[in-house]
Amino acid sequence: MVRLSTSAAKEIQRLRSKQQDRNVFLRLKVCTGGCSNLLYNMEFDTGITSSDRVYNCSGITVVVDAQSVNYVRDLLLDYSEDLMGGGFRFHNPQAIATCSCGNSFSVASESSTSQE
């Protein structure tokens, strides 16, 4: 299950309202890369595949591909603003290490992500 804080949901709604296609949803994906081996990627999308997981989070449709779903299990996505600007923050209980950028993380092992 993916969760959104109230502030993250509001920011996603704001960003979605600027999209030409109002029927877009948020796609959350984990890719290899970054300082800690894994990297979060968020984008608006319109296509869902049969292997995607679809979550309704605070009225926002969040879609996660099959390869990423175990990496984001119980993830809380937050949004906050400070003097340097605003940004999304990922609170992932499975992450054993994170980069100072907050977008890169690592997990204990592949076997720890194979259960749902």
C-alpha atoms as a PDB file:
ATOM      1  CA  MET A   1       0.000   0.000   0.000  1.00  0.00           C
ATOM      2  CA  VAL A   2       1.212   3.458  -0.900  1.00  0.00           C
ATOM      3  CA  ARG A   3       0.095   6.378   1.248  1.00  0.00           C
ATOM      4  CA  LEU A   4       0.052  10.128   0.591  1.00  0.00           C
ATOM      5  CA  SER A   5       0.207  12.815   3.240  1.00  0.00           C
ATOM      6  CA  THR A   6      -2.358  15.594   2.990  1.00  0.00           C
ATOM      7  CA  SER A   7       0.288  18.010   1.725  1.00  0.00           C
ATOM      8  CA  ALA A   8       1.511  15.527  -0.924  1.00  0.00           C
ATOM      9  CA  ALA A   9      -2.047  14.935  -2.118  1.00  0.00           C
ATOM     10  CA  LYS A  10      -2.648  18.685  -2.420  1.00  0.00           C
ATOM     11  CA  GLU A  11       0.572  19.218  -4.380  1.00  0.00           C
ATOM     12  CA  ILE A  12      -0.153  16.314  -6.718  1.00  0.00           C
ATOM     13  CA  GLN A  13      -3.646  17.724  -7.326  1.00  0.00           C
ATOM     14  CA  ARG A  14      -2.115  21.132  -8.063  1.00  0.00           C
ATOM     15  CA  LEU A  15       0.402  19.671 -10.514  1.00  0.00           C
ATOM     16  CA  ARG A  16      -2.232  17.472 -12.142  1.00  0.00           C
ATOM     17  CA  SER A  17      -4.488  20.489 -12.715  1.00  0.00           C
ATOM     18  CA  LYS A  18      -1.741  21.942 -14.945  1.00  0.00           C
ATOM     19  CA  GLN A  19      -1.718  18.895 -17.238  1.00  0.00           C
ATOM     20  CA  GLN A  20      -3.472  19.193 -20.597  1.00  0.00           C
ATOM     21  CA  ASP A  21      -5.105  15.795 -20.130  1.00  0.00           C
ATOM     22  CA  ARG A  22      -7.103  15.954 -16.892  1.00  0.00           C
ATOM     23  CA  ASN A  23      -7.486  12.147 -16.829  1.00  0.00           C
ATOM     24  CA  VAL A  24      -3.858  11.524 -15.929  1.00  0.00           C
ATOM     25  CA  PHE A  25      -2.829   9.557 -12.870  1.00  0.00           C
ATOM     26  CA  LEU A  26       0.377   9.502 -10.864  1.00  0.00           C
ATOM     27  CA  ARG A  27       2.785   6.715 -11.788  1.00  0.00           C
ATOM     28  CA  LEU A  28       5.334   5.827  -9.110  1.00  0.00           C
ATOM     29  CA  LYS A  29       8.274   3.720 -10.218  1.00  0.00           C
ATOM     30  CA  VAL A  30      11.564   2.494  -8.801  1.00  0.00           C
ATOM     31  CA  CYS A  31      14.525   2.410 -11.196  1.00  0.00           C
ATOM     32  CA  THR A  32      18.152   1.430 -10.726  1.00  0.00           C
ATOM     33  CA  GLY A  33      20.446   4.379 -10.249  1.00  0.00           C
ATOM     34  CA  GLY A  34      21.275   7.149  -7.862  1.00  0.00           C
ATOM     35  CA  CYS A  35      23.771   7.178  -5.015  1.00  0.00           C
ATOM     36  CA  SER A  36      22.134   4.283  -3.162  1.00  0.00           C
ATOM     37  CA  ASN A  37      21.362   1.956  -6.112  1.00  0.00           C
ATOM     38  CA  LEU A  38      17.607   2.580  -6.400  1.00  0.00           C
ATOM     39  CA  LEU A  39      15.818   5.745  -7.442  1.00  0.00           C
ATOM     40  CA  TYR A  40      12.202   6.904  -7.177  1.00  0.00           C
ATOM     41  CA  ASN A  41      10.543   8.229 -10.320  1.00  0.00           C
ATOM     42  CA  MET A  42       7.169   9.984 -10.407  1.00  0.00           C
ATOM     43  CA  GLU A  43       5.335  11.098 -13.516  1.00  0.00           C
ATOM     44  CA  PHE A  44       1.861  11.622 -14.832  1.00  0.00           C
ATOM     45  CA  ASP A  45       0.640   8.890 -17.157  1.00  0.00           C
ATOM     46  CA  THR A  46      -2.516   7.738 -18.944  1.00  0.00           C
ATOM     47  CA  GLY A  47      -1.845   4.048 -19.640  1.00  0.00           C
ATOM     48  CA  ILE A  48      -2.333   1.151 -17.249  1.00  0.00           C
ATOM     49  CA  THR A  49      -1.102  -2.378 -17.938  1.00  0.00           C
ATOM     50  CA  SER A  50      -2.596  -5.591 -16.579  1.00  0.00           C
ATOM     51  CA  SER A  51       0.363  -6.070 -14.216  1.00  0.00           C
ATOM     52  CA  ASP A  52       0.135  -2.568 -12.685  1.00  0.00           C
ATOM     53  CA  ARG A  53      -1.145  -2.075  -9.158  1.00  0.00           C
ATOM     54  CA  VAL A  54      -3.666   0.724  -8.785  1.00  0.00           C
ATOM     55  CA  TYR A  55      -4.156   2.502  -5.458  1.00  0.00           C
ATOM     56  CA  ASN A  56      -6.633   5.180  -4.468  1.00  0.00           C
ATOM     57  CA  CYS A  57      -4.750   7.493  -2.129  1.00  0.00           C
ATOM     58  CA  SER A  58      -6.690  10.445  -0.767  1.00  0.00           C
ATOM     59  CA  GLY A  59      -8.753  10.554  -3.965  1.00  0.00           C
ATOM     60  CA  ILE A  60      -5.673  10.356  -6.210  1.00  0.00           C
ATOM     61  CA  THR A  61      -5.006   7.370  -8.435  1.00  0.00           C
ATOM     62  CA  VAL A  62      -1.466   6.101  -7.915  1.00  0.00           C
ATOM     63  CA  VAL A  63      -0.216   3.370 -10.257  1.00  0.00           C
ATOM     64  CA  VAL A  64       2.835   1.227  -9.507  1.00  0.00           C
ATOM     65  CA  ASP A  65       4.355  -1.223 -11.990  1.00  0.00           C
ATOM     66  CA  ALA A  66       4.850  -4.860 -10.981  1.00  0.00           C
ATOM     67  CA  GLN A  67       8.639  -4.542 -10.700  1.00  0.00           C
ATOM     68  CA  SER A  68       8.384  -1.593  -8.284  1.00  0.00           C
ATOM     69  CA  VAL A  69       5.486  -2.645  -6.088  1.00  0.00           C
ATOM     70  CA  ASN A  70       7.554  -4.504  -3.491  1.00  0.00           C
ATOM     71  CA  TYR A  71      10.010  -1.618  -3.151  1.00  0.00           C
ATOM     72  CA  VAL A  72       7.262   0.872  -2.300  1.00  0.00           C
ATOM     73  CA  ARG A  73       5.210  -1.297   0.042  1.00  0.00           C
ATOM     74  CA  ASP A  74       4.054   0.882   2.983  1.00  0.00           C
ATOM     75  CA  LEU A  75       5.707   3.970   1.465  1.00  0.00           C
ATOM     76  CA  LEU A  76       4.496   7.345   2.709  1.00  0.00           C
ATOM     77  CA  LEU A  77       4.911  10.152   0.188  1.00  0.00           C
ATOM     78  CA  ASP A  78       5.038  13.577   1.790  1.00  0.00           C
ATOM     79  CA  TYR A  79       5.498  17.107   0.475  1.00  0.00           C
ATOM     80  CA  SER A  80       7.033  20.009   2.329  1.00  0.00           C
ATOM     81  CA  GLU A  81       8.323  23.473   1.593  1.00  0.00           C
ATOM     82  CA  ASP A  82      11.277  25.236   3.142  1.00  0.00           C
ATOM     83  CA  LEU A  83      13.513  28.192   2.327  1.00  0.00           C
ATOM     84  CA  MET A  84      15.070  26.232  -0.550  1.00  0.00           C
ATOM     85  CA  GLY A  85      11.691  25.472  -2.129  1.00  0.00           C
ATOM     86  CA  GLY A  86       9.293  22.565  -2.042  1.00  0.00           C
ATOM     87  CA  GLY A  87       9.804  18.914  -2.657  1.00  0.00           C
ATOM     88  CA  PHE A  88       8.426  15.448  -2.221  1.00  0.00           C
ATOM     89  CA  ARG A  89       9.850  13.301   0.577  1.00  0.00           C
ATOM     90  CA  PHE A  90       9.779   9.509   0.512  1.00  0.00           C
ATOM     91  CA  HIS A  91       9.392   7.714   3.844  1.00  0.00           C
ATOM     92  CA  ASN A  92      10.070   4.075   3.038  1.00  0.00           C
ATOM     93  CA  PRO A  93      10.245   1.594   5.934  1.00  0.00           C
ATOM     94  CA  GLN A  94      12.106  -0.871   3.691  1.00  0.00           C
ATOM     95  CA  ALA A  95      14.980   1.504   2.958  1.00  0.00           C
ATOM     96  CA  ILE A  96      18.112   0.649   4.909  1.00  0.00           C
ATOM     97  CA  ALA A  97      20.056   3.575   3.432  1.00  0.00           C
ATOM     98  CA  THR A  98      19.077   6.785   1.691  1.00  0.00           C
ATOM     99  CA  CYS A  99      21.023   9.469  -0.097  1.00  0.00           C
ATOM    100  CA  SER A 100      20.936  13.028   1.196  1.00  0.00           C
ATOM    101  CA  CYS A 101      18.933  13.968  -1.921  1.00  0.00           C
ATOM    102  CA  GLY A 102      16.086  11.833  -0.551  1.00  0.00           C
ATOM    103  CA  ASN A 103      15.306  10.247  -3.928  1.00  0.00           C
ATOM    104  CA  SER A 104      17.809   7.390  -3.833  1.00  0.00           C
ATOM    105  CA  PHE A 105      17.661   4.428  -1.478  1.00  0.00           C
ATOM    106  CA  SER A 106      18.765   0.845  -0.967  1.00  0.00           C
ATOM    107  CA  VAL A 107      17.107  -2.188   0.579  1.00  0.00           C
ATOM    108  CA  ALA A 108      18.588  -5.112   2.529  1.00  0.00           C
ATOM    109  CA  SER A 109      18.388  -7.672  -0.287  1.00  0.00           C
ATOM    110  CA  GLU A 110      16.284  -8.796  -3.216  1.00  0.00           C
ATOM    111  CA  SER A 111      14.684 -11.506  -1.074  1.00  0.00           C
ATOM    112  CA  SER A 112      13.308  -8.899   1.329  1.00  0.00           C
ATOM    113  CA  THR A 113      11.317  -7.316  -1.486  1.00  0.00           C
ATOM    114  CA  SER A 114       9.790 -10.491  -2.915  1.00  0.00           C
ATOM    115  CA  GLN A 115       6.889 -10.708  -0.460  1.00  0.00           C
ATOM    116  CA  GLU A 116       3.718  -8.629  -0.594  1.00  0.00           C
END
